[in-house]
N, C-alpha and C. Protein backbone atom coordinates (compact mmCIF):
# COMPACT_ATOMS: atom_id res chain seq x y z
N MET A 1 90.04 82.56 162.74
CA MET A 1 90.62 83.13 161.59
C MET A 1 91.12 84.52 161.86
N THR A 2 92.32 84.68 161.22
CA THR A 2 93.08 85.96 161.38
C THR A 2 92.87 86.75 160.11
N PHE A 3 92.45 88.07 160.28
CA PHE A 3 92.44 88.99 159.15
C PHE A 3 93.50 90.03 159.28
N PHE A 4 94.19 90.18 158.11
CA PHE A 4 95.23 91.32 158.04
C PHE A 4 94.64 92.49 157.51
N VAL A 5 94.85 93.66 157.93
CA VAL A 5 94.36 94.90 157.35
C VAL A 5 95.56 95.69 156.93
N PHE A 6 95.76 95.88 155.56
CA PHE A 6 96.83 96.62 155.05
C PHE A 6 96.36 97.94 154.60
N PRO A 7 97.19 98.90 154.72
CA PRO A 7 96.86 100.29 154.30
C PRO A 7 96.60 100.41 152.80
N PRO A 8 95.54 101.12 152.45
CA PRO A 8 95.22 101.16 150.98
C PRO A 8 96.46 101.81 150.29
N PRO A 9 96.88 101.43 149.05
CA PRO A 9 97.76 101.98 148.24
C PRO A 9 97.47 103.36 147.88
N ALA A 10 98.44 104.22 147.63
CA ALA A 10 98.14 105.56 147.29
C ALA A 10 97.84 105.53 145.75
N PRO A 11 96.74 106.24 145.37
CA PRO A 11 96.11 106.11 144.08
C PRO A 11 97.21 106.80 143.06
N THR A 12 97.23 106.10 141.83
CA THR A 12 97.96 106.71 140.78
C THR A 12 97.28 108.03 140.31
N VAL A 13 98.05 109.08 140.16
CA VAL A 13 97.50 110.38 139.77
C VAL A 13 98.10 110.92 138.63
N LEU A 14 97.58 111.62 137.74
CA LEU A 14 98.07 112.46 136.71
C LEU A 14 97.97 113.96 136.99
N PRO A 15 98.97 114.64 136.56
CA PRO A 15 98.79 116.23 136.66
C PRO A 15 97.80 116.82 135.74
N VAL A 16 97.11 117.78 136.17
CA VAL A 16 96.09 118.48 135.40
C VAL A 16 96.68 119.82 135.07
N SER A 17 96.51 120.27 133.85
CA SER A 17 96.77 121.53 133.31
C SER A 17 96.32 122.59 134.14
N GLY A 18 97.04 123.54 134.53
CA GLY A 18 96.43 124.64 135.38
C GLY A 18 96.45 124.38 136.81
N GLY A 19 96.92 123.11 137.27
CA GLY A 19 96.99 122.76 138.67
C GLY A 19 96.06 121.72 139.04
N GLY A 20 96.36 120.96 140.02
CA GLY A 20 95.55 119.83 140.50
C GLY A 20 96.05 118.40 140.00
N LEU A 21 95.28 117.36 140.55
CA LEU A 21 95.63 116.05 140.27
C LEU A 21 94.51 115.28 139.93
N PHE A 22 94.54 114.34 139.01
CA PHE A 22 93.44 113.51 138.47
C PHE A 22 93.82 112.02 139.00
N PRO A 23 93.13 111.59 140.06
CA PRO A 23 93.26 110.22 140.55
C PRO A 23 92.66 109.19 139.64
N ILE A 24 93.49 108.14 139.17
CA ILE A 24 92.99 107.14 138.34
C ILE A 24 92.33 106.02 138.97
N ARG A 25 91.20 105.57 138.50
CA ARG A 25 90.34 104.51 139.06
C ARG A 25 90.51 103.32 138.30
N ARG A 26 90.20 103.42 136.95
CA ARG A 26 90.40 102.18 136.02
C ARG A 26 90.87 102.68 134.65
N VAL A 27 91.45 101.70 133.96
CA VAL A 27 91.85 102.04 132.59
C VAL A 27 91.27 101.11 131.55
N PHE A 28 90.47 101.64 130.69
CA PHE A 28 89.82 100.93 129.56
C PHE A 28 90.52 101.35 128.21
N CYS A 29 90.62 100.29 127.30
CA CYS A 29 91.33 100.62 126.03
C CYS A 29 90.48 100.00 124.85
N VAL A 30 90.20 100.83 123.83
CA VAL A 30 89.52 100.38 122.71
C VAL A 30 90.36 99.73 121.64
N GLY A 31 90.11 98.59 121.26
CA GLY A 31 90.90 97.83 120.30
C GLY A 31 90.46 98.16 118.80
N GLN A 32 91.49 98.66 118.02
CA GLN A 32 91.29 98.74 116.57
C GLN A 32 90.17 99.72 116.30
N ASN A 33 90.39 100.97 116.65
CA ASN A 33 89.45 102.10 116.27
C ASN A 33 89.76 102.89 115.16
N TYR A 34 90.82 102.55 114.45
CA TYR A 34 91.13 103.22 113.11
C TYR A 34 91.20 101.96 112.08
N ALA A 35 90.46 102.21 110.90
CA ALA A 35 90.29 101.13 109.99
C ALA A 35 91.73 100.74 109.45
N GLU A 36 92.63 101.59 109.33
CA GLU A 36 93.90 101.11 108.55
C GLU A 36 94.66 100.37 109.60
N HIS A 37 94.57 100.72 110.89
CA HIS A 37 95.24 99.89 111.83
C HIS A 37 94.69 98.52 112.03
N ALA A 38 93.38 98.45 111.87
CA ALA A 38 92.72 97.15 111.98
C ALA A 38 93.17 96.30 110.76
N ARG A 39 93.32 96.95 109.63
CA ARG A 39 93.70 96.14 108.41
C ARG A 39 95.16 95.58 108.53
N GLU A 40 96.04 96.43 109.26
CA GLU A 40 97.41 96.07 109.35
C GLU A 40 97.67 94.98 110.35
N MET A 41 96.56 94.86 111.21
CA MET A 41 96.39 93.67 112.26
C MET A 41 95.70 92.50 111.64
N GLY A 42 95.21 92.58 110.42
CA GLY A 42 94.55 91.51 109.70
C GLY A 42 93.16 91.37 109.91
N THR A 43 92.42 92.41 110.33
CA THR A 43 91.03 92.40 110.57
C THR A 43 90.31 93.73 109.97
N ASP A 44 89.03 93.82 110.02
CA ASP A 44 88.29 94.84 109.51
C ASP A 44 87.11 95.00 110.36
N PRO A 45 87.22 95.96 111.42
CA PRO A 45 86.04 96.02 112.27
C PRO A 45 84.89 97.09 111.83
N LEU A 46 84.92 97.41 110.79
CA LEU A 46 83.88 98.57 110.38
C LEU A 46 82.37 98.23 110.75
N ASN A 47 82.17 96.94 110.58
CA ASN A 47 80.80 96.49 110.85
C ASN A 47 80.58 95.87 112.33
N GLU A 48 81.55 96.03 113.10
CA GLU A 48 81.51 95.40 114.43
C GLU A 48 81.53 96.51 115.57
N PRO A 49 80.91 96.13 116.70
CA PRO A 49 81.00 97.09 117.82
C PRO A 49 82.43 97.16 118.48
N PRO A 50 82.74 98.19 119.13
CA PRO A 50 84.10 98.32 119.69
C PRO A 50 84.39 97.12 120.77
N VAL A 51 85.51 96.78 120.79
CA VAL A 51 85.99 95.72 121.73
C VAL A 51 86.93 96.41 122.75
N PHE A 52 86.83 95.96 124.06
CA PHE A 52 87.67 96.81 125.10
C PHE A 52 88.51 95.72 125.80
N PHE A 53 89.69 96.28 126.29
CA PHE A 53 90.53 95.38 127.18
C PHE A 53 90.99 96.53 128.24
N THR A 54 91.63 95.97 129.34
CA THR A 54 91.95 96.85 130.48
C THR A 54 93.41 96.82 130.89
N LYS A 55 93.75 97.78 131.46
CA LYS A 55 95.13 97.76 132.09
C LYS A 55 94.94 98.19 133.60
N PRO A 56 95.89 97.83 134.31
CA PRO A 56 95.87 98.15 135.78
C PRO A 56 95.97 99.63 135.94
N ALA A 57 95.33 100.31 136.89
CA ALA A 57 95.57 101.72 137.15
C ALA A 57 97.02 102.08 137.40
N ASP A 58 97.80 101.23 138.00
CA ASP A 58 99.12 101.60 138.43
C ASP A 58 100.13 101.28 137.23
N ALA A 59 99.51 100.88 136.03
CA ALA A 59 100.33 100.65 134.77
C ALA A 59 100.55 102.12 134.18
N VAL A 60 99.76 103.08 134.66
CA VAL A 60 99.69 104.44 134.00
C VAL A 60 101.00 105.18 134.63
N THR A 61 101.62 105.87 133.81
CA THR A 61 102.79 106.74 134.25
C THR A 61 102.98 107.92 133.28
N CYS A 62 103.35 109.00 133.91
CA CYS A 62 103.74 110.22 133.14
C CYS A 62 105.33 110.50 133.27
N ALA A 63 106.07 109.40 133.71
CA ALA A 63 107.49 109.54 133.75
C ALA A 63 108.07 109.79 132.40
N SER A 64 109.30 110.42 132.48
CA SER A 64 109.99 110.65 131.28
C SER A 64 110.98 109.54 130.69
N ARG A 65 111.07 108.56 131.55
CA ARG A 65 111.89 107.44 131.18
C ARG A 65 111.22 106.23 131.79
N LEU A 66 111.05 105.27 130.89
CA LEU A 66 110.30 104.01 131.16
C LEU A 66 111.27 102.82 130.99
N PRO A 67 111.13 101.76 131.74
CA PRO A 67 111.97 100.67 131.65
C PRO A 67 111.45 99.83 130.56
N PHE A 68 112.47 99.11 129.81
CA PHE A 68 112.18 98.11 128.81
C PHE A 68 111.68 96.88 129.50
N PRO A 69 110.40 96.35 129.36
CA PRO A 69 109.93 95.31 130.19
C PRO A 69 110.63 94.01 129.89
N PRO A 70 110.48 93.25 130.91
CA PRO A 70 111.11 91.82 130.80
C PRO A 70 110.09 90.83 129.93
N HIS A 71 110.65 89.75 129.43
CA HIS A 71 109.88 88.74 128.84
C HIS A 71 109.26 89.15 127.44
N THR A 72 110.07 89.83 126.72
CA THR A 72 109.62 90.34 125.39
C THR A 72 110.86 90.73 124.53
N GLU A 73 110.72 90.43 123.21
CA GLU A 73 111.71 90.73 122.28
C GLU A 73 111.02 91.78 121.21
N ARG A 74 109.78 92.07 121.50
CA ARG A 74 109.03 93.06 120.56
C ARG A 74 108.10 93.96 121.24
N LEU A 75 108.61 95.07 121.85
CA LEU A 75 107.82 96.08 122.55
C LEU A 75 107.43 96.97 121.52
N ASP A 76 105.98 97.28 121.29
CA ASP A 76 105.45 98.09 120.36
C ASP A 76 104.88 99.28 120.92
N TYR A 77 104.84 100.52 120.22
CA TYR A 77 104.26 101.73 120.67
C TYR A 77 102.77 101.74 119.79
N GLU A 78 101.92 102.38 120.55
CA GLU A 78 100.50 102.74 120.05
C GLU A 78 100.08 103.99 120.53
N GLY A 79 100.24 105.12 119.69
CA GLY A 79 99.88 106.44 120.15
C GLY A 79 98.27 106.59 120.13
N GLU A 80 97.76 107.21 121.23
CA GLU A 80 96.37 107.37 121.31
C GLU A 80 95.95 108.64 122.00
N LEU A 81 94.63 109.05 121.67
CA LEU A 81 93.91 110.10 122.47
C LEU A 81 93.34 109.36 123.63
N VAL A 82 93.44 110.00 124.85
CA VAL A 82 92.95 109.41 126.06
C VAL A 82 92.04 110.34 126.72
N VAL A 83 90.81 109.78 127.10
CA VAL A 83 89.79 110.35 127.72
C VAL A 83 89.72 110.27 129.20
N ALA A 84 89.55 111.29 129.93
CA ALA A 84 89.50 111.26 131.50
C ALA A 84 88.01 111.58 131.88
N ILE A 85 87.42 110.44 132.50
CA ILE A 85 86.01 110.60 132.80
C ILE A 85 85.80 111.39 134.15
N GLY A 86 85.05 112.25 134.17
CA GLY A 86 84.70 113.05 135.40
C GLY A 86 83.37 112.82 136.01
N LEU A 87 82.46 112.26 135.17
CA LEU A 87 81.07 112.00 135.75
C LEU A 87 80.71 110.63 135.33
N GLY A 88 80.31 109.83 136.28
CA GLY A 88 79.99 108.42 136.14
C GLY A 88 78.62 108.16 135.52
N GLY A 89 78.33 106.85 135.31
CA GLY A 89 76.98 106.56 134.74
C GLY A 89 77.03 105.35 134.03
N ALA A 90 75.80 104.65 133.85
CA ALA A 90 75.68 103.44 133.13
C ALA A 90 74.60 103.72 132.08
N ASN A 91 74.71 102.88 130.95
CA ASN A 91 73.78 103.02 129.74
C ASN A 91 73.62 104.47 129.46
N ILE A 92 74.68 105.10 129.19
CA ILE A 92 74.78 106.53 128.78
C ILE A 92 74.41 106.70 127.26
N PRO A 93 73.46 107.49 126.97
CA PRO A 93 73.17 107.70 125.51
C PRO A 93 74.34 108.40 124.81
N PRO A 94 74.66 108.05 123.54
CA PRO A 94 75.67 108.79 122.84
C PRO A 94 75.62 110.36 122.89
N ALA A 95 74.32 110.71 122.77
CA ALA A 95 74.16 112.22 122.72
C ALA A 95 74.50 112.85 124.06
N LYS A 96 74.65 112.06 125.19
CA LYS A 96 75.08 112.65 126.48
C LYS A 96 76.49 112.21 126.92
N GLY A 97 77.18 111.48 125.91
CA GLY A 97 78.47 110.92 126.33
C GLY A 97 79.57 112.00 126.65
N LEU A 98 79.58 113.08 125.91
CA LEU A 98 80.64 114.12 126.33
C LEU A 98 80.32 114.71 127.58
N GLU A 99 79.20 114.70 128.02
CA GLU A 99 78.88 115.31 129.38
C GLU A 99 79.54 114.71 130.56
N HIS A 100 80.15 113.51 130.27
CA HIS A 100 80.80 112.70 131.29
C HIS A 100 82.24 112.86 131.28
N VAL A 101 82.86 113.61 130.34
CA VAL A 101 84.31 113.82 130.17
C VAL A 101 84.81 115.01 130.96
N PHE A 102 85.87 114.72 131.83
CA PHE A 102 86.53 115.77 132.48
C PHE A 102 87.47 116.54 131.64
N GLY A 103 88.23 115.65 130.89
CA GLY A 103 89.40 116.22 130.01
C GLY A 103 89.94 115.12 129.17
N TYR A 104 91.01 115.55 128.49
CA TYR A 104 91.79 114.79 127.61
C TYR A 104 93.27 114.79 127.76
N THR A 105 93.97 113.67 127.34
CA THR A 105 95.34 113.77 127.29
C THR A 105 95.78 112.83 126.11
N VAL A 106 97.12 112.62 125.90
CA VAL A 106 97.54 111.62 125.01
C VAL A 106 98.12 110.52 125.67
N GLY A 107 98.27 109.40 125.09
CA GLY A 107 98.91 108.27 125.82
C GLY A 107 99.51 107.34 124.69
N CYS A 108 100.40 106.41 125.28
CA CYS A 108 100.99 105.36 124.43
C CYS A 108 100.87 104.08 124.98
N ASP A 109 100.03 103.31 124.41
CA ASP A 109 99.71 101.90 124.86
C ASP A 109 100.86 101.05 124.46
N LEU A 110 101.78 100.74 125.36
CA LEU A 110 102.95 99.92 125.15
C LEU A 110 102.44 98.37 125.16
N THR A 111 102.87 97.66 124.13
CA THR A 111 102.50 96.20 123.99
C THR A 111 103.51 95.31 123.83
N ARG A 112 103.67 94.10 124.57
CA ARG A 112 104.54 93.02 124.33
C ARG A 112 103.95 92.35 123.23
N ARG A 113 104.33 92.77 121.87
CA ARG A 113 103.69 92.12 120.81
C ARG A 113 103.84 90.67 120.61
N ASP A 114 105.05 90.16 120.90
CA ASP A 114 105.26 88.78 120.81
C ASP A 114 104.47 87.91 121.82
N LEU A 115 104.30 88.45 122.96
CA LEU A 115 103.48 87.78 123.95
C LEU A 115 101.96 87.69 123.51
N GLN A 116 101.55 88.89 123.08
CA GLN A 116 100.15 88.98 122.52
C GLN A 116 99.85 87.99 121.42
N ALA A 117 100.84 87.99 120.47
CA ALA A 117 100.64 87.05 119.34
C ALA A 117 100.62 85.53 119.71
N ALA A 118 101.50 85.19 120.70
CA ALA A 118 101.48 83.82 121.15
C ALA A 118 100.30 83.49 121.88
N ALA A 119 99.79 84.47 122.71
CA ALA A 119 98.47 84.29 123.41
C ALA A 119 97.29 84.03 122.51
N LYS A 120 97.32 84.96 121.52
CA LYS A 120 96.11 84.81 120.46
C LYS A 120 96.21 83.51 119.87
N LYS A 121 97.30 83.09 119.44
CA LYS A 121 97.57 81.86 118.66
C LYS A 121 97.03 80.59 119.52
N GLY A 122 97.33 80.67 120.89
CA GLY A 122 96.88 79.63 121.79
C GLY A 122 95.49 79.74 122.37
N GLY A 123 94.88 80.87 122.07
CA GLY A 123 93.45 81.14 122.54
C GLY A 123 93.47 81.46 123.98
N ARG A 124 94.47 82.09 124.51
CA ARG A 124 94.67 82.43 125.83
C ARG A 124 94.60 83.88 126.13
N PRO A 125 94.23 84.40 127.22
CA PRO A 125 94.28 85.73 127.58
C PRO A 125 95.64 86.46 127.37
N TRP A 126 95.57 87.75 126.94
CA TRP A 126 96.77 88.41 126.80
C TRP A 126 96.94 89.59 127.68
N ASP A 127 96.61 89.42 128.88
CA ASP A 127 96.83 90.44 130.04
C ASP A 127 98.18 90.90 130.07
N MET A 128 99.15 89.95 130.15
CA MET A 128 100.67 90.22 130.40
C MET A 128 101.17 90.93 129.18
N ALA A 129 100.45 90.84 127.97
CA ALA A 129 100.98 91.62 126.78
C ALA A 129 100.61 93.05 126.98
N LYS A 130 99.62 93.35 127.71
CA LYS A 130 99.19 94.65 127.70
C LYS A 130 99.06 95.47 129.20
N GLY A 131 99.09 94.59 130.14
CA GLY A 131 98.96 95.10 131.43
C GLY A 131 100.04 95.18 132.42
N PHE A 132 101.25 95.22 131.84
CA PHE A 132 102.41 95.20 132.63
C PHE A 132 102.72 96.53 133.19
N ASP A 133 103.78 96.69 134.11
CA ASP A 133 104.23 97.88 134.74
C ASP A 133 104.61 98.91 133.67
N CYS A 134 104.19 100.17 133.96
CA CYS A 134 104.50 101.22 132.95
C CYS A 134 104.22 101.02 131.52
N SER A 135 103.00 100.37 131.29
CA SER A 135 102.66 100.07 129.91
C SER A 135 101.72 101.06 129.37
N ALA A 136 101.31 102.09 130.20
CA ALA A 136 100.37 103.15 129.72
C ALA A 136 101.09 104.47 130.06
N ALA A 137 101.81 105.04 129.10
CA ALA A 137 102.48 106.20 129.26
C ALA A 137 101.47 107.34 128.76
N VAL A 138 101.24 108.26 129.67
CA VAL A 138 100.41 109.39 129.33
C VAL A 138 100.96 110.70 129.73
N GLY A 139 100.29 111.77 129.25
CA GLY A 139 100.76 113.20 129.46
C GLY A 139 99.87 113.77 130.48
N VAL A 140 99.86 115.25 130.54
CA VAL A 140 99.05 116.00 131.32
C VAL A 140 97.73 115.99 130.96
N VAL A 141 96.77 115.96 131.78
CA VAL A 141 95.32 116.11 131.53
C VAL A 141 94.82 117.41 131.24
N HIS A 142 94.21 117.82 130.21
CA HIS A 142 93.70 119.11 129.96
C HIS A 142 92.22 119.08 130.07
N PRO A 143 91.64 119.89 130.97
CA PRO A 143 90.22 119.91 131.12
C PRO A 143 89.38 120.45 129.85
N VAL A 144 88.20 119.83 129.93
CA VAL A 144 87.29 120.29 128.77
C VAL A 144 87.17 121.89 128.73
N ALA A 145 87.10 122.51 129.91
CA ALA A 145 86.96 123.88 130.10
C ALA A 145 88.09 124.76 129.33
N GLU A 146 89.19 124.01 129.13
CA GLU A 146 90.50 124.62 128.51
C GLU A 146 90.41 124.27 127.03
N ILE A 147 90.21 123.07 126.75
CA ILE A 147 90.36 122.67 125.21
C ILE A 147 89.11 122.30 124.38
N GLY A 148 87.96 122.14 125.16
CA GLY A 148 86.85 121.73 124.56
C GLY A 148 86.90 120.13 124.28
N HIS A 149 86.12 119.79 123.29
CA HIS A 149 86.06 118.34 122.94
C HIS A 149 86.69 118.18 121.60
N PRO A 150 87.87 117.62 121.50
CA PRO A 150 88.58 117.38 120.20
C PRO A 150 87.86 116.34 119.34
N ALA A 151 87.28 116.71 118.22
CA ALA A 151 86.59 115.55 117.37
C ALA A 151 87.35 115.43 116.02
N LYS A 152 88.37 116.32 115.82
CA LYS A 152 89.28 116.32 114.82
C LYS A 152 90.66 116.93 114.98
N GLY A 153 91.58 116.65 114.30
CA GLY A 153 92.86 117.08 114.55
C GLY A 153 93.93 115.88 114.45
N THR A 154 95.20 116.25 114.10
CA THR A 154 96.18 115.35 113.86
C THR A 154 96.71 114.59 115.07
N ILE A 155 96.76 113.25 115.01
CA ILE A 155 97.28 112.45 116.06
C ILE A 155 98.53 111.87 115.40
N ARG A 156 99.63 111.98 116.19
CA ARG A 156 100.95 111.72 115.67
C ARG A 156 101.93 111.00 116.61
N LEU A 157 102.70 110.20 116.22
CA LEU A 157 103.75 109.59 117.09
C LEU A 157 105.01 109.45 116.26
N SER A 158 106.15 109.85 116.83
CA SER A 158 107.41 109.70 116.30
C SER A 158 108.40 109.06 117.30
N VAL A 159 109.32 108.28 116.70
CA VAL A 159 110.42 107.66 117.37
C VAL A 159 111.80 108.20 116.98
N ASN A 160 112.48 108.72 117.80
CA ASN A 160 113.79 109.37 117.61
C ASN A 160 113.72 110.48 116.48
N GLY A 161 112.54 111.14 116.46
CA GLY A 161 112.35 112.28 115.52
C GLY A 161 111.71 111.83 114.15
N LEU A 162 111.60 110.55 113.97
CA LEU A 162 111.06 109.95 112.70
C LEU A 162 109.56 109.56 112.99
N GLU A 163 108.69 110.21 112.11
CA GLU A 163 107.30 109.97 112.17
C GLU A 163 106.90 108.64 111.92
N LYS A 164 106.22 107.88 112.76
CA LYS A 164 105.76 106.49 112.60
C LYS A 164 104.22 106.46 112.40
N GLN A 165 103.43 107.33 113.04
CA GLN A 165 102.09 107.31 112.90
C GLN A 165 101.45 108.66 112.75
N ARG A 166 100.47 108.69 111.87
CA ARG A 166 99.81 110.05 111.71
C ARG A 166 98.47 109.83 111.11
N ALA A 167 97.41 110.32 111.67
CA ALA A 167 96.05 110.14 111.45
C ALA A 167 95.32 111.39 111.93
N ASP A 168 93.96 111.37 111.64
CA ASP A 168 93.12 112.33 112.21
C ASP A 168 92.07 111.87 113.09
N LEU A 169 91.78 112.57 114.26
CA LEU A 169 90.71 112.04 115.13
C LEU A 169 89.47 111.67 114.49
N ALA A 170 89.25 112.39 113.36
CA ALA A 170 87.99 112.25 112.63
C ALA A 170 88.05 110.84 111.99
N ASP A 171 89.24 110.18 111.82
CA ASP A 171 89.20 108.84 111.21
C ASP A 171 88.75 107.76 112.22
N MET A 172 88.55 108.10 113.49
CA MET A 172 88.19 106.95 114.36
C MET A 172 86.84 106.37 113.91
N ILE A 173 86.65 105.11 114.05
CA ILE A 173 85.55 104.30 113.59
C ILE A 173 84.36 104.78 114.54
N TRP A 174 84.78 104.71 115.83
CA TRP A 174 83.67 105.02 116.88
C TRP A 174 84.20 106.34 117.57
N SER A 175 83.31 107.35 117.47
CA SER A 175 83.69 108.65 118.23
C SER A 175 83.83 108.42 119.82
N VAL A 176 84.33 109.52 120.43
CA VAL A 176 84.42 109.41 121.80
C VAL A 176 83.06 109.33 122.57
N PRO A 177 81.96 110.07 122.12
CA PRO A 177 80.65 109.64 122.77
C PRO A 177 80.22 108.32 122.59
N GLN A 178 80.45 107.83 121.36
CA GLN A 178 79.99 106.39 121.04
C GLN A 178 80.78 105.50 121.86
N VAL A 179 81.97 105.64 122.14
CA VAL A 179 82.87 104.75 122.81
C VAL A 179 82.32 104.74 124.30
N ILE A 180 82.08 105.93 124.81
CA ILE A 180 81.58 106.02 126.22
C ILE A 180 80.22 105.32 126.31
N ALA A 181 79.39 105.62 125.38
CA ALA A 181 78.01 105.07 125.44
C ALA A 181 78.15 103.48 125.54
N HIS A 182 78.92 102.97 124.56
CA HIS A 182 78.96 101.46 124.39
C HIS A 182 79.58 100.89 125.65
N LEU A 183 80.70 101.48 126.08
CA LEU A 183 81.44 100.93 127.31
C LEU A 183 80.55 100.95 128.53
N SER A 184 79.74 101.93 128.64
CA SER A 184 78.79 102.11 129.85
C SER A 184 77.68 101.15 129.81
N THR A 185 77.55 100.43 128.75
CA THR A 185 76.49 99.33 128.80
C THR A 185 77.14 98.01 129.46
N PHE A 186 78.45 97.98 129.54
CA PHE A 186 79.23 96.90 130.20
C PHE A 186 79.49 97.08 131.64
N VAL A 187 79.99 98.31 131.86
CA VAL A 187 80.34 98.61 133.33
C VAL A 187 79.77 100.03 133.55
N THR A 188 79.49 100.28 134.93
CA THR A 188 79.25 101.64 135.33
C THR A 188 80.47 102.52 135.37
N LEU A 189 80.53 103.40 134.51
CA LEU A 189 81.72 104.40 134.50
C LEU A 189 81.66 105.23 135.84
N ALA A 190 82.95 105.63 136.13
CA ALA A 190 82.96 106.40 137.44
C ALA A 190 84.16 107.41 137.15
N PRO A 191 84.04 108.52 138.04
CA PRO A 191 85.22 109.62 137.95
C PRO A 191 86.50 108.94 138.22
N GLY A 192 87.48 109.27 137.45
CA GLY A 192 88.80 108.74 137.58
C GLY A 192 89.10 107.59 136.45
N ASP A 193 88.09 107.16 135.68
CA ASP A 193 88.29 106.24 134.70
C ASP A 193 88.96 106.89 133.52
N LEU A 194 89.98 106.15 132.93
CA LEU A 194 90.60 106.64 131.64
C LEU A 194 90.11 105.67 130.51
N ILE A 195 89.97 106.23 129.36
CA ILE A 195 89.68 105.43 128.15
C ILE A 195 90.68 105.85 127.09
N PHE A 196 91.55 104.79 126.72
CA PHE A 196 92.32 105.01 125.44
C PHE A 196 91.59 104.59 124.39
N THR A 197 91.46 105.58 123.35
CA THR A 197 90.50 105.43 122.30
C THR A 197 91.01 104.70 121.03
N GLY A 198 92.14 104.05 121.10
CA GLY A 198 92.58 103.22 119.89
C GLY A 198 93.64 104.03 119.18
N THR A 199 94.44 103.23 118.34
CA THR A 199 95.69 103.80 117.74
C THR A 199 95.54 103.79 116.23
N PRO A 200 96.17 104.62 115.50
CA PRO A 200 96.15 104.66 114.09
C PRO A 200 97.16 103.53 113.58
N ALA A 201 97.21 103.37 112.18
CA ALA A 201 98.15 102.47 111.61
C ALA A 201 99.53 102.93 111.76
N GLY A 202 100.53 102.10 111.67
CA GLY A 202 101.88 102.46 111.68
C GLY A 202 102.61 101.96 113.03
N ILE A 203 101.92 101.03 113.74
CA ILE A 203 102.56 100.49 114.98
C ILE A 203 103.89 99.73 114.68
N GLY A 204 104.79 99.87 115.66
CA GLY A 204 106.08 99.15 115.30
C GLY A 204 106.88 99.00 116.63
N PRO A 205 108.10 98.46 116.58
CA PRO A 205 108.89 98.13 117.66
C PRO A 205 109.68 99.26 118.34
N LEU A 206 110.00 99.15 119.56
CA LEU A 206 110.89 100.01 120.22
C LEU A 206 112.07 99.34 120.79
N ALA A 207 113.25 100.05 120.87
CA ALA A 207 114.35 99.51 121.53
C ALA A 207 114.93 100.34 122.59
N ARG A 208 115.77 99.90 123.43
CA ARG A 208 116.16 100.65 124.58
C ARG A 208 116.86 101.97 123.93
N GLY A 209 116.72 102.99 124.68
CA GLY A 209 117.20 104.23 124.30
C GLY A 209 116.37 105.09 123.30
N ASP A 210 115.28 104.43 122.72
CA ASP A 210 114.45 105.20 121.87
C ASP A 210 113.62 106.26 122.59
N GLU A 211 113.54 107.48 121.87
CA GLU A 211 112.71 108.48 122.33
C GLU A 211 111.41 108.59 121.59
N VAL A 212 110.28 108.65 122.36
CA VAL A 212 108.92 108.53 121.88
C VAL A 212 108.23 109.83 122.03
N ASP A 213 107.64 110.52 121.00
CA ASP A 213 106.94 111.73 121.13
C ASP A 213 105.60 111.45 120.58
N VAL A 214 104.49 111.54 121.39
CA VAL A 214 103.12 111.34 120.98
C VAL A 214 102.34 112.60 121.25
N SER A 215 101.53 113.04 120.13
CA SER A 215 100.79 114.23 120.31
C SER A 215 99.43 114.17 119.66
N VAL A 216 98.55 114.93 120.12
CA VAL A 216 97.26 115.27 119.45
C VAL A 216 97.10 116.68 119.29
N GLU A 217 96.71 117.15 118.12
CA GLU A 217 96.55 118.51 117.81
C GLU A 217 95.42 119.26 118.60
N GLY A 218 95.69 120.19 119.35
CA GLY A 218 94.82 120.97 120.20
C GLY A 218 94.62 120.32 121.55
N VAL A 219 95.38 119.22 121.87
CA VAL A 219 95.21 118.65 123.20
C VAL A 219 96.54 118.78 123.97
N THR A 220 97.46 118.00 123.54
CA THR A 220 98.85 118.08 124.40
C THR A 220 99.81 117.01 123.58
N SER A 221 100.99 117.01 124.20
CA SER A 221 102.00 116.08 123.61
C SER A 221 102.66 115.47 124.84
N HIS A 222 103.44 114.32 124.66
CA HIS A 222 104.16 113.71 125.71
C HIS A 222 105.36 113.00 125.19
N LEU A 223 106.43 113.25 125.88
CA LEU A 223 107.83 112.73 125.44
C LEU A 223 108.31 111.85 126.38
N PHE A 224 108.85 110.69 126.01
CA PHE A 224 109.34 109.69 127.02
C PHE A 224 110.49 108.85 126.23
N THR A 225 111.31 108.30 127.09
CA THR A 225 112.49 107.42 126.56
C THR A 225 112.33 106.18 127.16
N ILE A 226 112.64 105.01 126.39
CA ILE A 226 112.67 103.69 126.73
C ILE A 226 114.07 103.43 127.40
N GLY A 227 114.07 103.16 128.66
CA GLY A 227 115.44 102.97 129.32
C GLY A 227 116.06 101.67 129.03
């Protein structure tokens, strides 16, 4: 039997405010963490625990221009607060959740909505609706030492200067420490993990040439164009 040894790929990294790089290990995303968004998607999760899905680490990009992905006629934006994990652990109590955070940034969970809808209708996985190349647009990571732990503040996304999403972090159904605690019962979190914490209501489609600006008050903003 012949074994082939390939060099490990270079890790995907994000710039850190003040200098340095944050190497990404895994990407977890919370589904429907704002009640109004859940309702616009036809559900109401207020009495349900958070649900998670994943994206590949190399789906993350801080590029200023992203390609319009193939196999879709409906590419949607979803602006989110993103948590960068700096200390790992399993079965983390909610009261200890914030101790595991290195910093925060903003992100846009890009979604092939038509593929997702078809997969849901057929009872099939929707990995290709969420985990395609450049499907996680993110900004610079700002350490906790710089900005603290944002529990409230405006989250906003605009397309071509027109506001599409606006909410407050305080509107999240599950807070950041609650999300970390629940996720850590399923997997052992580790430094380098990113957590997309969910999107507010107002999701919608993007076209080639659209400019997207996503921001969280007191954290950062990120601007990119769909090529």
